[in-house]
Protein backbone atom coordinates (compact mmCIF):
# COMPACT_ATOMS: atom_id res chain seq x y z
CA MET A 1 91.95 148.83 81.98
CA ALA A 2 93.27 150.54 84.75
CA ARG A 3 90.56 149.32 87.02
CA ASP A 4 91.60 145.59 86.28
CA ARG A 5 95.31 146.75 87.15
CA ILE A 6 96.52 145.00 90.71
CA PRO A 7 97.43 148.21 93.09
CA THR A 8 100.61 147.83 94.56
CA SER A 9 100.44 151.32 96.30
CA ARG A 10 100.56 151.32 99.93
CA VAL A 11 99.98 154.86 100.67
CA ARG A 12 96.39 154.30 98.92
CA ARG A 13 95.23 151.08 100.65
CA THR A 14 96.56 152.74 103.85
CA ALA A 15 94.37 155.95 103.19
CA THR A 16 91.41 153.17 102.99
CA LEU A 17 92.05 151.37 105.86
CA GLY A 18 92.64 154.18 108.08
CA ARG A 19 89.60 155.61 107.78
CA LEU A 20 87.99 151.99 108.29
CA ALA A 21 89.59 151.35 111.51
CA ALA A 22 88.93 154.80 112.98
CA GLY A 23 85.25 154.90 111.66
CA GLN A 24 84.53 151.46 113.22
CA ALA A 25 86.45 152.41 116.62
CA VAL A 26 84.39 155.55 117.10
CA ARG A 27 81.18 153.37 116.40
CA GLN A 28 82.37 150.79 118.64
CA ALA A 29 82.37 153.70 121.35
CA GLY A 30 79.23 155.01 121.05
CA THR A 31 77.64 151.45 120.65
CA ARG A 32 79.51 150.64 124.24
CA ALA A 33 78.28 154.20 125.75
CA ALA A 34 74.54 153.99 124.59
CA ASN A 35 74.59 150.11 125.70
CA VAL A 36 74.19 151.27 129.67
CA ALA A 37 70.83 152.61 129.06
CA ARG A 38 69.65 149.85 126.86
CA SER A 39 67.65 146.41 127.54
CA ARG A 40 69.58 143.53 127.21
CA GLU A 41 68.04 143.08 123.97
CA ASP A 42 68.72 146.46 122.61
CA ALA A 43 72.17 145.96 123.72
CA GLN A 44 72.51 142.82 121.64
CA ALA A 45 70.61 144.24 118.63
CA ALA A 46 72.88 147.04 118.87
CA LEU A 47 76.19 144.97 119.07
CA GLU A 48 74.81 142.83 115.71
CA ARG A 49 74.58 145.85 113.99
CA ARG A 50 78.06 147.18 114.66
CA HIS A 51 79.63 143.39 113.89
CA LEU A 52 77.37 143.58 110.59
CA GLU A 53 78.87 147.13 109.90
CA ALA A 54 82.48 146.17 110.95
CA ALA A 55 82.30 142.79 108.82
CA GLU A 56 80.55 144.58 105.57
CA GLN A 57 83.34 147.41 105.81
CA ILE A 58 86.51 144.74 106.39
CA VAL A 59 84.89 143.74 102.99
CA THR A 60 84.68 146.90 101.20
CA ALA A 61 88.01 147.50 102.05
CA LEU A 62 89.27 144.04 101.07
CA GLY A 63 87.48 144.77 97.89
CA THR A 64 89.91 147.71 97.36
CA MET A 65 92.78 145.68 97.14
CA LYS A 66 91.96 143.31 93.93
CA GLY A 67 93.78 140.19 94.29
CA ALA A 68 95.76 140.73 96.99
CA ALA A 69 92.75 140.98 99.55
CA MET A 70 91.59 137.92 98.06
CA LYS A 71 94.18 135.90 100.36
CA LEU A 72 93.60 138.04 103.34
CA GLY A 73 89.69 137.82 103.04
CA GLN A 74 90.38 133.72 102.79
CA VAL A 75 92.21 133.91 106.01
CA LEU A 76 90.02 136.28 107.70
CA SER A 77 86.87 134.04 106.41
CA PHE A 78 85.86 133.00 110.11
CA LEU A 79 83.21 136.13 109.30
CA ASP A 80 81.95 133.56 106.79
CA VAL A 81 81.33 130.87 109.21
CA GLY A 82 78.56 133.08 111.27
CA LEU A 83 80.12 136.12 113.17
CA VAL A 84 77.04 138.38 111.83
CA PRO A 85 73.68 138.04 112.35
CA GLU A 86 71.79 135.30 111.23
CA GLU A 87 69.24 137.28 109.19
CA HIS A 88 72.03 138.65 107.00
CA ARG A 89 73.67 135.69 106.59
CA GLU A 90 72.91 134.67 103.65
CA GLU A 91 73.67 137.93 101.89
CA PHE A 92 77.08 138.66 103.44
CA GLN A 93 78.24 134.83 102.40
CA ALA A 94 77.60 135.89 98.96
CA LYS A 95 79.71 139.02 99.45
CA LEU A 96 82.07 137.20 100.55
CA ALA A 97 82.20 134.92 97.86
CA ALA A 98 82.34 137.27 94.91
CA LEU A 99 85.31 138.79 96.81
CA ARG A 100 87.10 135.44 96.83
CA ASP A 101 86.33 134.55 93.37
CA ALA A 102 86.90 137.96 91.72
CA ALA A 103 89.98 137.95 90.05
CA PRO A 104 91.64 140.86 88.19
CA LYS A 105 91.43 140.58 84.02
CA VAL A 106 94.93 139.48 83.23
CA SER A 107 95.14 138.72 79.70
CA PHE A 108 96.59 135.17 78.69
CA LYS A 109 99.72 137.02 76.49
CA ASP A 110 100.49 138.08 80.20
CA MET A 111 99.92 134.86 81.91
CA ARG A 112 102.10 133.36 79.45
CA LYS A 113 104.92 135.93 79.96
CA VAL A 114 105.23 134.40 83.59
CA ILE A 115 105.14 130.81 82.52
CA GLU A 116 107.78 131.27 80.01
CA GLN A 117 109.84 133.27 82.13
CA GLU A 118 109.60 130.83 85.12
CA LEU A 119 110.18 127.85 83.40
CA GLU A 120 112.88 129.38 80.65
CA ASP A 121 111.44 127.91 77.75
CA ASP A 122 108.68 128.61 74.63
CA LEU A 123 105.40 127.30 76.20
CA SER A 124 105.24 125.03 72.75
CA GLU A 125 108.31 123.10 74.05
CA LEU A 126 107.23 122.67 77.42
CA PHE A 127 103.68 121.59 76.59
CA ALA A 128 102.59 119.47 73.97
CA ALA A 129 99.08 121.48 74.05
CA PHE A 130 97.56 124.71 76.17
CA ASP A 131 94.07 125.83 76.60
CA GLN A 132 94.11 129.48 76.94
CA GLU A 133 91.02 129.79 78.81
CA PRO A 134 91.58 129.19 82.36
CA ILE A 135 89.52 126.58 84.07
CA ALA A 136 89.76 127.95 87.94
CA ALA A 137 90.66 131.21 89.17
CA ALA A 138 92.88 131.04 92.03
CA SER A 139 93.21 133.82 94.91
CA ILE A 140 96.86 134.80 93.75
CA GLY A 141 96.52 133.30 90.24
CA GLN A 142 94.70 131.28 87.14
CA VAL A 143 94.84 127.53 86.58
CA TYR A 144 94.80 126.03 83.07
CA ARG A 145 94.74 122.69 81.75
CA ALA A 146 97.54 121.27 79.29
CA THR A 147 98.72 118.34 78.38
CA LEU A 148 102.60 117.59 78.36
CA HIS A 149 104.30 115.84 75.51
CA ASP A 150 104.46 112.79 77.51
CA GLY A 151 100.21 112.81 77.10
CA ARG A 152 99.48 112.96 80.95
CA ASP A 153 96.84 116.06 81.63
CA VAL A 154 97.81 118.47 83.94
CA ALA A 155 96.75 121.42 85.85
CA VAL A 156 99.00 124.45 85.69
CA LYS A 157 98.88 127.23 88.17
CA VAL A 158 100.16 130.50 87.50
CA GLN A 159 100.69 133.54 89.90
CA TYR A 160 99.10 137.00 88.13
CA PRO A 161 102.05 139.10 87.46
CA GLY A 162 102.65 141.58 90.02
CA VAL A 163 100.30 140.07 92.65
CA ALA A 164 103.44 139.09 95.11
CA ALA A 165 103.91 142.91 95.32
CA ALA A 166 100.67 143.69 95.83
CA VAL A 167 99.88 141.41 98.84
CA ARG A 168 103.44 141.99 100.36
CA ALA A 169 102.34 145.80 100.21
CA ASP A 170 98.84 144.77 102.09
CA MET A 171 100.70 142.74 104.43
CA GLN A 172 102.22 146.24 105.68
CA ASN A 173 98.63 147.63 106.46
CA LEU A 174 97.10 144.26 107.92
CA GLY A 175 97.70 145.83 111.36
CA LEU A 176 94.85 148.46 110.64
CA ILE A 177 92.11 145.65 109.41
CA MET A 178 93.34 143.51 112.56
CA ARG A 179 92.49 146.46 114.79
CA VAL A 180 88.82 146.07 113.64
CA VAL A 181 88.94 142.56 113.83
CA LYS A 182 90.35 142.62 117.84
CA ARG A 183 86.79 144.68 118.65
CA MET A 184 84.61 141.87 117.07
CA THR A 185 86.75 139.13 118.89
CA PRO A 186 88.83 140.51 121.76
CA GLY A 187 90.57 137.55 123.38
CA LEU A 188 93.32 138.09 120.39
CA ASP A 189 96.66 138.69 120.20
CA VAL A 190 96.72 141.16 117.31
CA LYS A 191 100.07 141.45 117.24
CA ALA A 192 101.51 137.63 117.32
CA VAL A 193 98.20 137.12 115.18
CA THR A 194 99.32 139.40 112.83
CA GLU A 195 102.40 137.82 112.59
CA GLU A 196 101.54 134.23 112.00
CA ILE A 197 99.27 135.86 109.22
CA ARG A 198 102.06 137.44 107.41
CA LEU A 199 104.56 134.47 107.95
CA ARG A 200 101.45 131.87 106.43
CA ILE A 201 100.68 134.08 103.51
CA ASP A 202 104.41 135.15 102.87
CA GLU A 203 104.91 131.47 102.07
CA GLU A 204 101.63 131.06 100.22
CA LEU A 205 103.49 133.30 97.19
CA ASP A 206 106.08 130.89 96.56
CA TYR A 207 104.83 128.41 94.60
CA GLU A 208 107.99 125.87 95.09
CA LEU A 209 106.92 126.02 98.88
CA GLU A 210 103.45 124.76 97.65
CA ALA A 211 104.67 122.05 95.20
CA GLN A 212 106.84 120.59 98.46
CA ASN A 213 103.92 120.86 100.60
CA GLN A 214 101.67 118.92 97.94
CA ARG A 215 104.18 116.47 97.30
CA ALA A 216 104.38 115.49 101.01
CA LEU A 217 101.09 114.82 101.39
CA ALA A 218 100.78 113.04 97.85
CA ARG A 219 103.46 110.60 99.38
CA ILE A 220 101.60 110.29 102.75
CA PHE A 221 97.94 109.21 100.88
CA ARG A 222 99.45 107.60 98.07
CA GLY A 223 97.64 104.27 97.64
CA HIS A 224 94.91 105.66 100.07
CA PRO A 225 91.48 103.68 99.75
CA PHE A 226 89.66 107.32 99.64
CA ILE A 227 91.73 110.08 99.62
CA HIS A 228 93.84 111.43 96.65
CA VAL A 229 96.47 114.24 96.42
CA PRO A 230 97.71 114.79 92.96
CA ASP A 231 101.42 114.68 92.57
CA VAL A 232 103.38 117.44 91.30
CA VAL A 233 105.42 117.69 88.17
CA THR A 234 108.47 119.02 90.14
CA ARG A 235 110.71 119.73 86.81
CA LEU A 236 107.88 122.43 85.72
CA SER A 237 107.32 123.81 89.12
CA ARG A 238 108.53 127.31 90.17
CA GLU A 239 108.04 130.32 92.43
CA ARG A 240 105.15 131.61 90.19
CA VAL A 241 104.45 128.16 88.46
CA ILE A 242 103.31 125.24 89.95
CA VAL A 243 102.34 121.99 87.58
CA SER A 244 100.30 118.79 89.13
CA GLU A 245 98.27 116.11 87.71
CA PHE A 246 95.26 116.95 86.52
CA VAL A 247 92.13 115.34 88.36
CA GLU A 248 88.08 115.53 87.63
CA GLY A 249 85.31 115.25 89.78
CA VAL A 250 82.22 116.70 91.30
CA GLY A 251 82.23 120.18 92.99
CA PHE A 252 81.07 121.56 96.04
CA GLU A 253 77.23 122.85 95.25
CA GLU A 254 76.94 119.69 92.99
CA LEU A 255 77.55 117.48 96.01
CA LYS A 256 75.22 119.40 98.35
CA GLY A 257 72.39 117.46 96.29
CA TYR A 258 73.33 114.13 97.04
CA PRO A 259 71.42 111.84 98.98
CA GLN A 260 72.31 111.73 102.70
CA ALA A 261 74.15 108.33 103.21
CA ASP A 262 76.88 110.18 100.09
CA ARG A 263 77.06 113.42 101.84
CA ASP A 264 77.76 111.46 105.29
CA ARG A 265 80.56 109.27 103.59
CA LEU A 266 82.02 112.92 101.71
CA GLY A 267 81.78 114.56 105.38
CA GLU A 268 83.99 111.34 107.21
CA ILE A 269 86.21 111.91 104.31
CA VAL A 270 86.64 115.78 104.84
CA PHE A 271 87.07 115.06 108.32
CA ARG A 272 89.12 112.30 108.62
CA PHE A 273 91.41 114.41 105.70
CA PHE A 274 92.13 117.66 107.67
CA PHE A 275 92.19 116.46 111.29
CA GLY A 276 93.94 113.82 110.30
CA CYS A 277 96.61 115.18 108.75
CA LEU A 278 96.50 117.78 111.94
CA LEU A 279 96.49 114.68 114.79
CA ARG A 280 98.93 111.99 112.92
CA HIS A 281 100.93 113.86 110.66
CA HIS A 282 101.25 117.46 112.28
CA GLN A 283 100.97 118.81 109.00
CA PHE A 284 97.78 120.25 107.40
CA SER A 285 95.98 122.44 105.04
CA GLY A 286 95.05 125.54 106.23
CA ASP A 287 92.32 125.89 103.67
CA PRO A 288 89.07 123.83 104.09
CA HIS A 289 87.39 125.74 101.30
CA PRO A 290 84.93 123.73 99.64
CA GLY A 291 86.22 124.33 96.38
CA ASN A 292 89.48 122.74 96.92
CA PHE A 293 87.69 119.13 96.97
CA LEU A 294 86.65 117.00 94.33
CA LEU A 295 84.87 113.73 94.33
CA GLN A 296 85.87 111.60 92.25
CA PRO A 297 84.49 108.71 89.75
CA ASP A 298 86.26 106.13 91.63
CA GLY A 299 84.91 107.26 94.87
CA ARG A 300 88.07 108.85 96.65
CA VAL A 301 88.23 112.66 97.15
CA ALA A 302 90.62 114.35 95.57
CA PHE A 303 92.36 117.51 97.98
CA LEU A 304 93.42 120.64 96.43
CA ASP A 305 95.59 123.56 96.87
CA PHE A 306 98.30 123.70 99.40
CA GLY A 307 99.66 127.01 99.51
CA LEU A 308 98.12 127.82 103.08
CA PHE A 309 99.69 125.31 104.94
CA LYS A 310 100.71 124.61 108.41
CA ARG A 311 103.68 122.48 110.02
CA MET A 312 103.36 121.63 113.76
CA VAL A 313 105.96 120.36 116.19
CA PRO A 314 104.50 117.61 118.03
CA GLU A 315 104.60 119.18 121.12
CA ASP A 316 102.03 121.25 120.38
CA VAL A 317 99.52 118.39 118.47
CA GLU A 318 100.17 116.64 121.90
CA SER A 319 98.84 119.77 123.58
CA GLU A 320 95.93 119.76 121.08
CA LEU A 321 95.14 116.04 121.96
CA ALA A 322 95.99 116.27 125.81
CA VAL A 323 93.04 119.05 125.61
CA GLY A 324 90.91 117.11 123.60
CA ARG A 325 91.10 114.28 126.25
CA ALA A 326 90.48 116.21 128.91
CA VAL A 327 87.35 117.99 127.47
CA SER A 328 85.76 114.82 126.82
CA GLU A 329 86.74 113.18 130.38
CA GLY A 330 84.79 116.54 131.60
CA ASP A 331 88.24 116.99 133.90
CA ALA A 332 87.68 120.94 134.26
CA VAL A 333 91.05 120.71 136.55
CA ALA A 334 92.87 119.07 133.86
CA VAL A 335 91.52 121.37 131.13
CA HIS A 336 92.72 124.62 132.98
CA ALA A 337 95.89 123.63 134.02
CA LEU A 338 96.71 122.09 130.13
CA LEU A 339 95.92 125.55 128.96
CA ALA A 340 97.33 127.69 131.60
CA SER A 341 100.53 126.19 131.05
CA ASN A 342 100.15 126.29 127.34
CA GLY A 343 100.01 129.86 127.60
CA PHE A 344 96.35 130.49 126.85
CA LEU A 345 95.44 132.06 130.03
CA PRO A 346 97.22 134.87 130.73
CA ALA A 347 95.80 135.34 134.46
CA PRO A 348 95.10 131.86 135.19
CA GLU A 349 93.60 132.61 138.63
CA ARG A 350 90.74 134.55 137.23
CA MET A 351 89.58 132.05 135.21
CA LYS A 352 86.95 129.30 137.09
CA PRO A 353 87.97 125.66 135.87
CA ASP A 354 83.95 124.68 135.64
CA GLU A 355 83.52 127.68 133.19
CA LEU A 356 86.54 126.94 131.04
CA LEU A 357 85.25 123.72 130.19
CA ALA A 358 81.90 124.70 129.78
CA PHE A 359 83.54 127.14 127.14
CA MET A 360 85.29 124.24 125.59
CA GLN A 361 82.58 121.65 125.71
CA ASP A 362 80.29 124.20 123.42
CA THR A 363 83.10 125.09 120.79
CA VAL A 364 84.59 121.95 120.27
CA GLY A 365 82.43 119.08 122.00
CA TRP A 366 80.95 118.43 118.52
CA TYR A 367 84.35 115.92 118.39
CA THR A 368 85.77 115.87 121.85
CA CYS A 369 82.65 114.78 123.80
CA GLU A 370 80.36 111.23 123.46
CA GLY A 371 76.69 112.25 122.05
CA GLY A 372 76.16 109.54 119.78
CA GLU A 373 75.55 110.10 116.06
CA LEU A 374 74.89 114.02 115.23
CA GLN A 375 73.82 116.06 111.77
CA LEU A 376 75.76 118.98 111.46
CA THR A 377 73.96 122.04 110.01
CA PRO A 378 74.68 125.83 109.31
CA GLU A 379 73.10 126.76 111.83
CA LEU A 380 75.34 124.77 114.48
CA ALA A 381 78.33 125.95 112.80
CA THR A 382 77.16 129.66 113.11
CA ARG A 383 76.38 128.64 116.89
CA VAL A 384 79.93 127.25 117.44
CA ALA A 385 81.97 129.71 115.70
CA ILE A 386 79.66 132.65 117.70
CA GLU A 387 80.81 130.74 121.10
CA SER A 388 84.37 130.46 120.35
CA SER A 389 85.11 133.90 119.42
CA ASP A 390 82.13 136.32 119.37
CA PRO A 391 81.04 139.08 121.92
CA ARG A 392 77.41 137.21 121.56
CA SER A 393 78.83 134.39 123.24
CA SER A 394 77.51 132.99 126.42
CA HIS A 395 80.96 132.38 127.23
CA PHE A 396 82.07 136.53 126.90
CA ARG A 397 83.11 136.55 130.37
CA THR A 398 85.37 133.54 129.88
CA MET A 399 87.17 134.25 126.59
CA ARG A 400 88.19 137.85 127.41
CA HIS A 401 90.69 136.23 130.06
CA GLN A 402 91.63 134.02 127.18
CA ASP A 403 94.52 133.90 124.05
CA MET A 404 94.67 132.92 121.02
CA ARG A 405 98.15 131.31 121.12
CA PRO A 406 99.47 132.17 117.26
CA GLU A 407 100.89 128.95 116.53
CA HIS A 408 97.51 127.09 116.80
CA LEU A 409 95.41 129.81 115.09
CA PHE A 410 95.50 127.99 111.97
CA THR A 411 94.24 124.86 113.57
CA VAL A 412 91.33 126.96 115.61
CA ARG A 413 90.56 128.27 111.85
CA MET A 414 90.74 124.72 110.09
CA GLN A 415 88.26 123.24 112.38
CA LEU A 416 86.15 125.72 112.41
CA LEU A 417 85.76 126.02 108.27
CA VAL A 418 85.72 122.08 108.22
CA LEU A 419 82.36 122.34 110.81
CA ALA A 420 81.47 125.11 108.43
CA VAL A 421 81.91 122.63 105.23
CA LEU A 422 80.39 119.68 106.89
CA GLY A 423 77.66 121.71 108.30
CA GLN A 424 76.79 122.81 104.47
CA LEU A 425 76.62 119.42 103.63
CA ARG A 426 74.60 118.30 106.41
CA ALA A 427 76.37 115.38 107.38
CA ARG A 428 75.65 112.86 110.12
CA ALA A 429 78.19 110.69 112.23
CA ASN A 430 79.78 110.28 115.51
CA TRP A 431 82.37 112.68 115.06
CA HIS A 432 83.82 111.80 118.53
CA ARG A 433 84.07 108.15 117.92
CA ILE A 434 85.94 109.29 115.21
CA ALA A 435 87.95 111.52 116.33
CA ARG A 436 88.97 109.19 119.04
CA GLU A 437 91.20 107.21 116.91
CA TRP A 438 93.83 109.89 117.04
CA MET A 439 92.48 111.02 120.78
CA TYR A 440 92.88 107.75 122.32
CA GLY A 441 94.86 105.29 119.77
CA GLU A 442 91.07 103.20 119.76
CA PRO A 443 90.27 101.07 116.71
CA ALA A 444 88.23 102.23 114.10
CA VAL A 445 84.03 101.80 114.43
CA THR A 446 83.57 103.08 110.95
CA GLU A 447 83.70 101.57 107.53
CA LEU A 448 86.24 104.23 106.51
CA GLY A 449 87.98 103.98 109.81
CA ARG A 450 88.44 100.39 108.90
CA LEU A 451 89.76 100.76 105.30
CA GLU A 452 92.07 103.70 106.29
CA GLU A 453 93.49 101.28 109.74
CA GLU A 454 94.07 98.54 106.96
CA PHE A 455 96.23 101.17 104.93
CA TYR A 456 98.51 102.55 107.58
CA GLY A 457 98.80 98.92 108.74
CA ARG A 458 100.21 98.10 105.43
CA ILE A 459 102.80 101.36 105.58
CA ALA A 460 103.73 100.32 109.04
CA ALA A 461 104.39 96.93 108.17
């Protein structure tokens, strides 16, 4: 049916997004003008209404893009962390979830053509068995279960026909959406950030690159005591098809109902995987989505989907660690000097070191500052997200004098989304003591940490 096609026309999309940006600009200007005569409480309520409207308009515009928009919605999912008024959060998260989970209705016949074209052989020659019903819908494709002729069960991710052209057309319009985002998060270098998003998403369209990312992490974590990255079947992976080891396990919705001790263990594993990949290995998945990990029967957690991926140069990672140490030590002068020297403060003289330190403590203090055991919650994740980038932040004046460096965009996004996941699990830990393993090279203080320490010790030996 026509409504199920993946549209690629930039003209139609540009019209939709242009109306979105123009309408939001008018409303935002109206709010600023009216706020002059309002009380602080009334002004706050008006700002929250504008934010909700902007967020809903972004979701609506993304929804017109079909499969291509799911990828943009994924990248812009800071909205999911809580940058809408609390009383509307549950409803809004449902809308975002529907956007993420929506998928073009593409027949298996058409998906089979993609597989056979990419792998240059008949499906029956490639696989001993192939289930035609998808087991999952990825943002730009579907995942099927199959069996190889050697008996191995595999997951086959296949890109929707035409979705690459649709995504690339949408990338031409990304700047229009970012104009709306800019009004919600003023401390943003829109041009640089837009280019970084375009680059990451363009890479994600190439499953051969994703296979390379997955292979790299599978090698790093082979034999790990509690982390598992499925192996890639390289000979059956191409630009639009990726075949990897099939894994089974318990999904996130069920895991949220597990006993506290189990959720604490899972939370620490998630934290160690995403933060450890960045701070220890300088490469990480940029998509800590709850649907991308499973608790396996042997207690290990399997991590999936490495399309949205970022590699960092050692200097940028060391910069992150140095700032974390300065925040941990309460050294306002050092925090100011580090952020200024790394380009985060376009006008350093306009930023007071004490105010900057307070901002950092409120946004990354949950893991950089000593505070004992901390149970993370959705409310805490929301508060951190608001303090990080929202005009409702108590540090709004401080944020206006900062700039988000594009090379760090996906690290910030990853950290916020990991916090959101841990908050939904209501996981407890002394997150700072775990982080000190990376920040200061200190010995592990948890059972999982000691197991990991032993694992890396074996590798080094």
